[in-house]
Amino acid sequence: MNSQIVAASPLEQVLAQVQHESGNEDLTGLTADDVSALASDLWSWASGVPAGTQQVRVVRDAEGPSGKLGRSLLEATGPDMPFLVDSLLGECGEQGLEVRAMFHPVVRLHDARMVSVIQIHLPLLTEEEARGLEAGACRTLADTAQVVADFKPMKERMREEIRRLSLLDQPRMTDALEAVAFLEWLTKNHFVFLGCREYSFKTDDAGAVLPEEPNMIEGSNLGL
């Protein structure tokens, strides 16, 4: 986001970013006025969502200055964070919906908060499809927020395990070093942590793990 866009009002930021992104999208059947009107309506709705919360809506039968546009819109807003767009596009894919276009303005408010607003253009949905998509998108965004909130604690837990393995004595040191190298590679942005939990395994007198169901440690869950 350049400094000129940041200095603009929230609506001007949305319109400028949508205009910038329009060149990369298939907007067949829409006029420039349609695109601007849809963007303005997106921010009009998003600006009324309580601060710090996520919200989703489906505009089932979108209209613009040129009339009904023969498409539905999935719209979402909330605090800016990673994975929002990929998560929503994944939900559309899971529901077998073709994505025609997508806009993702990020708005800087006067109090320095960064708000993400997303508009995904879809074929005209039935009422049932629209309800299913809205429910699925709400669940997806809630899951995404949980993963993002726990992302740093999950990486720290991985680092704790790396430190523990690094202190193991022989004769298992060779295996431990291989495990440490692999885990360190994962922590260097080669893996997206979605969730983790700890388990305890029963062992025999020699320390070998018994072929029994492990016990999940209460309160150890992070992410999903």
Protein backbone atom coordinates (compact mmCIF):
# COMPACT_ATOMS: atom_id res chain seq x y z
CA MET A 1 0.00 0.00 0.00
CA ASN A 2 1.66 3.27 -1.06
CA SER A 3 1.74 6.46 1.04
CA GLN A 4 -0.74 8.30 -1.17
CA ILE A 5 -3.35 5.58 -0.67
CA VAL A 6 -2.73 5.51 3.10
CA ALA A 7 -3.24 9.29 3.29
CA ALA A 8 -6.65 8.97 1.64
CA SER A 9 -9.96 8.36 3.38
CA PRO A 10 -10.96 4.71 3.97
CA LEU A 11 -13.41 4.76 1.05
CA GLU A 12 -10.82 6.36 -1.23
CA GLN A 13 -8.34 3.66 -0.22
CA VAL A 14 -10.84 0.94 -1.11
CA LEU A 15 -11.68 2.50 -4.47
CA ALA A 16 -8.02 3.07 -5.35
CA GLN A 17 -7.00 -0.50 -4.51
CA VAL A 18 -9.97 -2.00 -6.37
CA GLN A 19 -9.13 0.10 -9.41
CA HIS A 20 -5.50 -1.03 -9.21
CA GLU A 21 -6.48 -4.70 -8.93
CA SER A 22 -9.12 -4.52 -11.67
CA GLY A 23 -6.58 -4.96 -14.43
CA ASN A 24 -5.82 -8.47 -13.19
CA GLU A 25 -9.43 -9.65 -12.92
CA ASP A 26 -12.00 -10.93 -15.40
CA LEU A 27 -14.77 -8.35 -15.12
CA THR A 28 -16.69 -9.34 -18.23
CA GLY A 29 -20.22 -7.95 -18.05
CA LEU A 30 -19.34 -5.19 -15.58
CA THR A 31 -18.82 -1.52 -16.33
CA ALA A 32 -16.28 0.62 -14.49
CA ASP A 33 -19.20 2.26 -12.69
CA ASP A 34 -20.47 -1.17 -11.61
CA VAL A 35 -17.08 -2.06 -10.12
CA SER A 36 -16.85 1.26 -8.27
CA ALA A 37 -20.41 0.99 -6.96
CA LEU A 38 -19.80 -2.54 -5.67
CA ALA A 39 -16.60 -1.38 -3.98
CA SER A 40 -18.39 1.56 -2.37
CA ASP A 41 -21.15 -0.71 -1.11
CA LEU A 42 -18.53 -3.11 0.25
CA TRP A 43 -16.96 -0.39 2.39
CA SER A 44 -20.34 1.03 3.41
CA TRP A 45 -21.13 -2.37 4.93
CA ALA A 46 -17.64 -3.10 6.28
CA SER A 47 -17.33 0.27 8.01
CA GLY A 48 -20.32 -0.60 10.19
CA VAL A 49 -18.83 -3.84 11.51
CA PRO A 50 -17.69 -3.52 15.17
CA ALA A 51 -13.95 -2.94 15.55
CA GLY A 52 -11.85 -6.05 16.01
CA THR A 53 -14.51 -8.47 14.79
CA GLN A 54 -14.88 -10.53 11.63
CA GLN A 55 -18.05 -10.57 9.59
CA VAL A 56 -19.20 -12.25 6.39
CA ARG A 57 -22.11 -11.69 4.06
CA VAL A 58 -23.28 -13.00 0.71
CA VAL A 59 -24.92 -10.59 -1.70
CA ARG A 60 -26.89 -13.15 -3.64
CA ASP A 61 -28.11 -11.05 -6.59
CA ALA A 62 -25.69 -8.15 -6.98
CA GLU A 63 -26.78 -4.95 -8.67
CA GLY A 64 -24.88 -1.98 -10.07
CA PRO A 65 -25.65 1.17 -12.05
CA SER A 66 -26.20 -1.00 -15.14
CA GLY A 67 -28.78 -3.17 -13.32
CA LYS A 68 -28.66 -6.75 -12.10
CA LEU A 69 -25.21 -8.19 -12.70
CA GLY A 70 -25.99 -11.92 -12.82
CA ARG A 71 -23.53 -12.75 -10.07
CA SER A 72 -23.26 -13.23 -6.33
CA LEU A 73 -20.67 -11.69 -4.03
CA LEU A 74 -18.98 -13.20 -1.00
CA GLU A 75 -17.79 -10.33 1.18
CA ALA A 76 -15.77 -10.39 4.38
CA THR A 77 -14.17 -7.87 6.69
CA GLY A 78 -12.17 -7.85 9.88
CA PRO A 79 -8.68 -7.21 11.26
CA ASP A 80 -6.03 -7.75 8.62
CA MET A 81 -4.12 -11.01 9.09
CA PRO A 82 -2.42 -13.69 6.98
CA PHE A 83 -4.23 -16.44 5.09
CA LEU A 84 -7.62 -14.68 4.76
CA VAL A 85 -7.84 -14.73 0.98
CA ASP A 86 -6.47 -18.25 0.56
CA SER A 87 -8.86 -19.52 3.24
CA LEU A 88 -11.93 -17.99 1.61
CA LEU A 89 -10.89 -19.10 -1.87
CA GLY A 90 -10.38 -22.58 -0.45
CA GLU A 91 -13.90 -22.54 1.01
CA CYS A 92 -15.33 -21.52 -2.38
CA GLY A 93 -13.41 -24.37 -3.98
CA GLU A 94 -14.65 -26.84 -1.37
CA GLN A 95 -18.21 -25.84 -2.24
CA GLY A 96 -17.56 -26.22 -5.98
CA LEU A 97 -17.95 -22.53 -6.78
CA GLU A 98 -16.16 -20.81 -9.65
CA VAL A 99 -14.38 -17.61 -8.63
CA ARG A 100 -14.79 -14.97 -11.33
CA ALA A 101 -12.92 -12.11 -9.68
CA MET A 102 -11.51 -11.15 -6.30
CA PHE A 103 -10.60 -7.87 -4.61
CA HIS A 104 -8.75 -7.49 -1.33
CA PRO A 105 -8.31 -3.87 -0.22
CA VAL A 106 -6.52 -3.34 3.09
CA VAL A 107 -7.57 -0.10 4.77
CA ARG A 108 -5.56 1.91 7.28
CA LEU A 109 -7.88 3.70 9.69
CA HIS A 110 -7.19 6.96 11.54
CA ASP A 111 -6.23 5.01 14.69
CA ALA A 112 -3.64 2.99 12.66
CA ARG A 113 -5.73 -0.21 12.69
CA MET A 114 -5.47 -2.23 9.49
CA VAL A 115 -8.80 -3.60 8.25
CA SER A 116 -9.10 -6.22 5.54
CA VAL A 117 -12.07 -6.13 3.18
CA ILE A 118 -12.57 -8.90 0.65
CA GLN A 119 -15.00 -9.21 -2.24
CA ILE A 120 -15.19 -12.44 -4.23
CA HIS A 121 -17.30 -12.53 -7.40
CA LEU A 122 -19.16 -15.79 -8.05
CA PRO A 123 -21.83 -17.09 -10.43
CA LEU A 124 -25.39 -16.36 -9.36
CA LEU A 125 -26.10 -18.61 -6.37
CA THR A 126 -29.34 -20.15 -5.21
CA GLU A 127 -30.67 -19.17 -1.80
CA GLU A 128 -29.50 -22.51 -0.41
CA GLU A 129 -26.02 -22.12 -1.91
CA ALA A 130 -25.75 -18.60 -0.51
CA ARG A 131 -26.66 -19.74 3.00
CA GLY A 132 -24.22 -22.63 2.82
CA LEU A 133 -21.42 -20.40 1.59
CA GLU A 134 -21.98 -17.78 4.27
CA ALA A 135 -21.97 -20.40 7.02
CA GLY A 136 -18.86 -22.08 5.63
CA ALA A 137 -17.02 -18.78 5.21
CA CYS A 138 -17.81 -17.80 8.81
CA ARG A 139 -16.37 -21.08 10.08
CA THR A 140 -13.32 -20.74 7.87
CA LEU A 141 -12.52 -17.22 9.06
CA ALA A 142 -12.97 -18.24 12.70
CA ASP A 143 -10.53 -21.12 12.15
CA THR A 144 -8.09 -18.78 10.40
CA ALA A 145 -8.20 -16.29 13.27
CA GLN A 146 -7.52 -19.10 15.77
CA VAL A 147 -4.54 -20.35 13.78
CA VAL A 148 -3.08 -16.84 13.43
CA ALA A 149 -3.57 -16.11 17.14
CA ASP A 150 -1.73 -19.31 18.12
CA PHE A 151 0.91 -19.23 15.38
CA LYS A 152 3.74 -17.79 17.49
CA PRO A 153 3.04 -20.07 20.49
CA MET A 154 3.05 -23.06 18.11
CA LYS A 155 6.44 -22.06 16.69
CA GLU A 156 7.79 -21.55 20.20
CA ARG A 157 6.59 -25.00 21.20
CA MET A 158 8.45 -26.39 18.18
CA ARG A 159 11.60 -24.55 19.28
CA GLU A 160 11.23 -26.00 22.79
CA GLU A 161 11.11 -29.48 21.26
CA ILE A 162 14.21 -28.70 19.20
CA ARG A 163 16.03 -27.65 22.38
CA ARG A 164 14.91 -30.82 24.16
CA LEU A 165 16.05 -33.09 21.34
CA SER A 166 19.38 -31.27 21.15
CA LEU A 167 20.12 -32.30 24.74
CA LEU A 168 19.55 -36.04 24.25
CA ASP A 169 22.48 -38.30 25.07
CA GLN A 170 23.85 -41.21 23.07
CA PRO A 171 22.95 -43.74 21.72
CA ARG A 172 20.00 -41.88 20.18
CA MET A 173 21.96 -38.74 19.34
CA THR A 174 22.24 -39.45 15.60
CA ASP A 175 18.49 -39.81 15.21
CA ALA A 176 17.96 -36.74 17.37
CA LEU A 177 20.27 -34.62 15.21
CA GLU A 178 18.34 -35.63 12.10
CA ALA A 179 15.06 -34.74 13.82
CA VAL A 180 16.47 -31.39 14.98
CA ALA A 181 17.66 -30.52 11.47
CA PHE A 182 14.25 -31.35 10.03
CA LEU A 183 12.36 -29.38 12.68
CA GLU A 184 14.63 -26.37 12.25
CA TRP A 185 13.96 -26.49 8.50
CA LEU A 186 10.20 -26.50 9.20
CA THR A 187 10.44 -23.40 11.40
CA LYS A 188 12.05 -21.38 8.57
CA ASN A 189 8.70 -20.73 6.87
CA HIS A 190 8.66 -24.13 5.15
CA PHE A 191 5.54 -25.21 7.00
CA VAL A 192 2.30 -23.52 8.05
CA PHE A 193 1.35 -24.50 11.59
CA LEU A 194 -2.41 -25.05 11.73
CA GLY A 195 -2.59 -26.72 15.12
CA CYS A 196 -0.68 -28.78 17.65
CA ARG A 197 -1.27 -30.71 20.85
CA GLU A 198 0.84 -32.78 23.19
CA TYR A 199 0.46 -36.48 23.92
CA SER A 200 1.96 -38.75 26.54
CA PHE A 201 3.04 -42.26 25.50
CA LYS A 202 3.37 -45.21 27.84
CA THR A 203 6.75 -46.91 27.83
CA ASP A 204 8.13 -50.17 29.17
CA ASP A 205 10.96 -50.49 31.70
CA ALA A 206 13.52 -50.19 28.90
CA GLY A 207 11.98 -46.94 27.66
CA ALA A 208 10.41 -48.39 24.51
CA VAL A 209 7.03 -46.95 23.54
CA LEU A 210 4.18 -49.38 24.11
CA PRO A 211 1.69 -50.02 21.26
CA GLU A 212 -1.14 -48.28 23.09
CA GLU A 213 -3.29 -45.25 22.37
CA PRO A 214 -1.47 -42.12 23.63
CA ASN A 215 -3.13 -39.75 26.08
CA MET A 216 -3.69 -36.15 25.02
CA ILE A 217 -2.38 -33.69 27.60
CA GLU A 218 -5.22 -31.49 28.84
CA GLY A 219 -4.80 -27.82 27.95
CA SER A 220 -2.04 -28.41 25.39
CA ASN A 221 -4.11 -27.62 22.29
CA LEU A 222 -3.10 -24.70 20.10
CA GLY A 223 -4.69 -23.65 16.80
CA LEU A 224 -7.17 -26.08 15.29
